Amino acid sequence: MPTRPSRLAPSPPRAASAGTRAERARRLDDVLPRLRRDIVGGRWSPGQRLPEPQLCALFGVSRTPLRDAFRVLESEGLVQVTPHVGAVVTPATTPALREHVELLAALEQHAAGRTAERADAATRVRLSGLHQRMQAAAERGDRRTYLRLNDRFHRAIVLAAGNTALADAHEHAMWHVHRARHLAYALEPFDAHPTGGHHQAVIDAILRGDAAAAREAMRAHLDEVAQRLANAPARARRTASTPG
């Protein structure tokens, strides 16, 4: 009897698919932080559509990882993706901003206390170094560097608390508050002295291991930040109505 032709052995799609997924994830990891940082830092303004061809060229990627990044940013509330339109940067003063500010304040107050209790010598050196670099940026009037280091300073305190759930919740809320703060600070002359004093109180309390004082200093600081953000829309209206 003639032998039946044997079936071709299946190719290894799973291995190829796994490799493709890994490469796609790697490219997402390359694109997402950079695009998020540009939105938070104000490179892309609220209401502005993110141009896919330009961003693909900028990041050296295809549309797939870029659109993956858009989906993550949409879940974080930083962009809105609309069919046939694309990704548009959301307003920084959404009704949810106040809720994010309140959540961030609660998380950072707790983190400041925990960090004061548990920080080792290396953590204290790292936080002190960030604070000193912030002071130097403030003294030379470098708003952009100051705000970038300020974001890192707050995040470092949260990470030093050693609570993964707290750090994850903080990361989701912080982008909204950081973006609103960057935009609010752009509406006024750069003066880091009010917040600089609060930062000094926070770092001093952490360095001496005083959890209660660290929480109180962080509360005072974030109350001032919340007030600035609350006043930002009125400042924006005044700026817009001032003859150029």
Protein backbone atom coordinates (compact mmCIF):
# COMPACT_ATOMS: atom_id res chain seq x y z
CA MET A 1 0.00 0.00 0.00
CA PRO A 2 1.22 3.45 -0.76
CA THR A 3 2.31 5.24 2.34
CA ARG A 4 0.32 8.23 3.32
CA PRO A 5 2.28 11.42 3.22
CA SER A 6 3.29 12.35 6.69
CA ARG A 7 2.01 15.59 8.07
CA LEU A 8 4.51 18.34 8.16
CA ALA A 9 5.85 18.87 11.61
CA PRO A 10 4.36 22.07 12.95
CA SER A 11 6.67 25.01 13.01
CA PRO A 12 7.40 26.43 16.41
CA PRO A 13 4.98 29.36 16.46
CA ARG A 14 5.00 29.55 20.22
CA ALA A 15 8.71 30.21 20.39
CA ALA A 16 8.46 32.81 17.64
CA SER A 17 5.37 34.31 19.27
CA ALA A 18 7.11 34.46 22.63
CA GLY A 19 10.08 36.18 21.02
CA THR A 20 7.78 38.64 19.30
CA ARG A 21 5.97 39.35 22.55
CA ALA A 22 9.26 39.88 24.36
CA GLU A 23 10.47 42.29 21.70
CA ARG A 24 7.14 44.12 21.75
CA ALA A 25 7.33 44.44 25.54
CA ARG A 26 10.91 45.69 25.32
CA ARG A 27 9.97 48.35 22.83
CA LEU A 28 7.02 49.38 24.99
CA ASP A 29 9.38 49.72 27.94
CA ASP A 30 11.56 51.99 25.79
CA VAL A 31 8.74 54.20 24.53
CA LEU A 32 6.34 54.46 27.45
CA PRO A 33 8.55 56.21 30.06
CA ARG A 34 9.84 58.71 27.53
CA LEU A 35 6.41 59.58 26.17
CA ARG A 36 4.92 59.78 29.66
CA ARG A 37 7.75 62.05 30.79
CA ASP A 38 7.20 64.34 27.79
CA ILE A 39 3.48 64.65 28.59
CA VAL A 40 4.08 65.25 32.28
CA GLY A 41 6.84 67.77 31.52
CA GLY A 42 4.61 69.76 29.15
CA ARG A 43 6.26 68.96 25.83
CA TRP A 44 2.83 67.85 24.64
CA SER A 45 0.08 70.23 25.78
CA PRO A 46 -3.45 69.36 26.93
CA GLY A 47 -5.71 68.98 23.90
CA GLN A 48 -2.80 68.29 21.55
CA ARG A 49 -2.94 65.21 19.33
CA LEU A 50 0.14 63.04 19.52
CA PRO A 51 1.51 62.69 15.97
CA GLU A 52 2.18 59.01 15.31
CA PRO A 53 4.60 59.38 12.35
CA GLN A 54 6.70 61.94 14.21
CA LEU A 55 6.80 59.85 17.40
CA CYS A 56 7.64 56.65 15.51
CA ALA A 57 10.59 58.45 13.95
CA LEU A 58 11.61 60.00 17.25
CA PHE A 59 11.61 56.71 19.15
CA GLY A 60 12.70 54.52 16.24
CA VAL A 61 9.72 52.15 16.52
CA SER A 62 6.76 51.01 14.47
CA ARG A 63 3.19 52.03 15.23
CA THR A 64 2.52 48.86 17.27
CA PRO A 65 4.61 49.66 20.38
CA LEU A 66 3.60 53.30 20.11
CA ARG A 67 -0.08 52.36 20.18
CA ASP A 68 0.62 49.97 23.06
CA ALA A 69 2.03 52.98 24.92
CA PHE A 70 -1.07 55.02 24.05
CA ARG A 71 -3.26 52.34 25.62
CA VAL A 72 -1.27 52.39 28.85
CA LEU A 73 -1.34 56.18 28.97
CA GLU A 74 -5.08 56.10 28.37
CA SER A 75 -5.51 53.73 31.33
CA GLU A 76 -3.53 56.25 33.41
CA GLY A 77 -5.77 59.10 32.24
CA LEU A 78 -3.02 61.04 30.48
CA VAL A 79 -4.40 60.64 26.95
CA GLN A 80 -7.71 59.81 25.31
CA VAL A 81 -7.62 57.53 22.29
CA THR A 82 -10.39 58.10 19.73
CA PRO A 83 -10.87 56.07 16.52
CA HIS A 84 -9.84 57.98 13.37
CA VAL A 85 -8.38 60.73 15.57
CA GLY A 86 -5.66 59.10 17.61
CA ALA A 87 -4.29 59.89 21.05
CA VAL A 88 -5.04 63.34 22.45
CA VAL A 89 -3.50 64.65 25.68
CA THR A 90 -6.16 65.07 28.35
CA PRO A 91 -6.71 68.30 30.30
CA ALA A 92 -4.53 68.58 33.39
CA THR A 93 -7.32 70.09 35.48
CA THR A 94 -9.84 67.28 35.26
CA PRO A 95 -12.36 66.80 38.09
CA ALA A 96 -10.33 63.79 39.20
CA LEU A 97 -7.22 65.90 39.83
CA ARG A 98 -8.34 66.89 43.32
CA GLU A 99 -8.88 63.23 44.16
CA HIS A 100 -5.40 62.39 42.87
CA VAL A 101 -3.92 65.20 44.98
CA GLU A 102 -5.67 63.90 48.10
CA LEU A 103 -4.54 60.35 47.40
CA LEU A 104 -0.97 61.42 46.71
CA ALA A 105 -0.87 63.44 49.92
CA ALA A 106 -2.04 60.50 52.01
CA LEU A 107 0.43 58.13 50.39
CA GLU A 108 3.42 60.46 50.64
CA GLN A 109 2.71 61.39 54.26
CA HIS A 110 2.67 57.71 55.20
CA ALA A 111 5.78 57.05 53.11
CA ALA A 112 7.68 59.92 54.74
CA GLY A 113 6.98 58.48 58.18
CA ARG A 114 7.94 54.95 57.18
CA THR A 115 11.11 56.14 55.48
CA ALA A 116 12.12 58.07 58.59
CA GLU A 117 11.69 54.88 60.60
CA ARG A 118 13.55 52.50 58.31
CA ALA A 119 15.97 54.45 56.12
CA ASP A 120 19.50 53.08 56.14
CA ALA A 121 22.66 55.12 55.61
CA ALA A 122 22.61 54.65 51.82
CA THR A 123 18.99 55.85 51.58
CA ARG A 124 19.76 58.92 53.67
CA VAL A 125 22.72 59.76 51.45
CA ARG A 126 20.62 59.31 48.30
CA LEU A 127 17.78 61.52 49.56
CA SER A 128 20.19 64.17 50.83
CA GLY A 129 21.94 64.20 47.45
CA LEU A 130 18.67 64.72 45.59
CA HIS A 131 17.72 67.52 47.97
CA GLN A 132 21.08 69.25 47.52
CA ARG A 133 20.79 69.05 43.73
CA MET A 134 17.28 70.52 43.95
CA GLN A 135 18.62 73.41 46.01
CA ALA A 136 21.39 74.02 43.48
CA ALA A 137 18.88 74.05 40.60
CA ALA A 138 16.67 76.50 42.51
CA GLU A 139 19.58 78.83 43.21
CA ARG A 140 20.50 79.06 39.54
CA GLY A 141 16.84 79.45 38.48
CA ASP A 142 16.74 76.18 36.55
CA ARG A 143 13.02 75.44 36.73
CA ARG A 144 13.09 72.37 34.46
CA THR A 145 15.84 70.59 36.39
CA TYR A 146 14.30 71.56 39.73
CA LEU A 147 10.93 70.07 38.84
CA ARG A 148 12.51 66.89 37.47
CA LEU A 149 14.55 66.42 40.65
CA ASN A 150 11.52 67.29 42.76
CA ASP A 151 9.58 64.45 41.14
CA ARG A 152 12.49 62.07 41.78
CA PHE A 153 12.82 63.24 45.40
CA HIS A 154 9.19 62.48 46.20
CA ARG A 155 9.31 59.16 44.38
CA ALA A 156 12.51 58.17 46.19
CA ILE A 157 10.85 58.76 49.56
CA VAL A 158 7.94 56.54 48.54
CA LEU A 159 10.20 53.75 47.28
CA ALA A 160 12.31 53.93 50.44
CA ALA A 161 9.20 53.12 52.50
CA GLY A 162 9.53 49.53 51.26
CA ASN A 163 5.84 48.98 50.46
CA THR A 164 5.17 47.71 46.93
CA ALA A 165 1.40 48.28 47.06
CA LEU A 166 1.95 51.84 48.24
CA ALA A 167 4.52 52.45 45.49
CA ASP A 168 2.17 51.12 42.80
CA ALA A 169 -0.74 53.29 43.98
CA HIS A 170 1.56 56.29 44.15
CA GLU A 171 2.85 55.78 40.61
CA HIS A 172 -0.69 55.83 39.20
CA ALA A 173 -1.61 59.08 40.99
CA MET A 174 1.67 60.94 40.76
CA TRP A 175 1.71 61.51 36.99
CA HIS A 176 -1.48 63.57 37.13
CA VAL A 177 -0.27 65.70 40.02
CA HIS A 178 3.23 66.15 38.62
CA ARG A 179 1.84 67.25 35.25
CA ALA A 180 -0.55 69.73 36.84
CA ARG A 181 2.27 71.08 39.00
CA HIS A 182 4.59 71.52 36.00
CA LEU A 183 1.88 73.45 34.16
CA ALA A 184 0.99 75.53 37.23
CA TYR A 185 4.59 76.51 37.92
CA ALA A 186 4.95 77.64 34.31
CA LEU A 187 2.30 80.32 34.97
CA GLU A 188 4.31 82.19 37.60
CA PRO A 189 7.86 83.39 38.19
CA PHE A 190 10.04 80.55 39.35
CA ASP A 191 10.43 80.67 43.14
CA ALA A 192 11.32 77.44 44.88
CA HIS A 193 11.73 79.01 48.33
CA PRO A 194 8.28 78.10 49.76
CA THR A 195 8.54 74.44 48.77
CA GLY A 196 12.28 74.43 49.43
CA GLY A 197 11.65 75.13 53.10
CA HIS A 198 9.18 72.27 53.27
CA HIS A 199 11.61 69.92 51.57
CA GLN A 200 14.26 70.90 54.10
CA ALA A 201 11.89 70.06 56.95
CA VAL A 202 11.06 66.70 55.36
CA ILE A 203 14.67 65.69 54.81
CA ASP A 204 15.73 66.89 58.28
CA ALA A 205 13.03 64.78 59.92
CA ILE A 206 13.96 61.71 57.88
CA LEU A 207 17.66 62.10 58.66
CA ARG A 208 17.00 62.20 62.41
CA GLY A 209 14.48 59.34 62.21
CA ASP A 210 11.48 61.39 63.41
CA ALA A 211 8.49 59.76 61.72
CA ALA A 212 5.85 62.11 63.15
CA ALA A 213 7.79 65.21 62.09
CA ALA A 214 8.39 63.73 58.62
CA ARG A 215 4.67 63.12 58.14
CA GLU A 216 3.79 66.62 59.35
CA ALA A 217 6.41 68.27 57.13
CA MET A 218 5.16 66.35 54.11
CA ARG A 219 1.56 67.29 54.96
CA ALA A 220 2.47 71.00 55.13
CA HIS A 221 4.35 70.77 51.85
CA LEU A 222 1.55 69.01 49.98
CA ASP A 223 -1.05 71.40 51.38
CA GLU A 224 0.94 74.21 49.75
CA VAL A 225 1.18 72.28 46.48
CA ALA A 226 -2.59 71.63 46.53
CA GLN A 227 -3.24 75.34 47.04
CA ARG A 228 -1.04 76.23 44.08
CA LEU A 229 -2.85 73.75 41.88
CA ALA A 230 -6.24 75.04 43.03
CA ASN A 231 -5.21 78.60 42.11
CA ALA A 232 -3.72 77.64 38.75
CA PRO A 233 -6.91 78.02 36.64
CA ALA A 234 -7.42 81.60 37.85
CA ARG A 235 -3.76 82.42 37.11
CA ALA A 236 -4.14 80.90 33.65
CA ARG A 237 -7.17 83.09 32.93
CA ARG A 238 -5.32 86.20 34.11
CA THR A 239 -2.32 85.29 31.94
CA ALA A 240 -4.54 84.73 28.90
CA SER A 241 -6.31 88.07 29.36
CA THR A 242 -3.10 90.07 29.83
CA PRO A 243 -2.15 91.91 26.61
CA GLY A 244 1.03 90.50 25.15
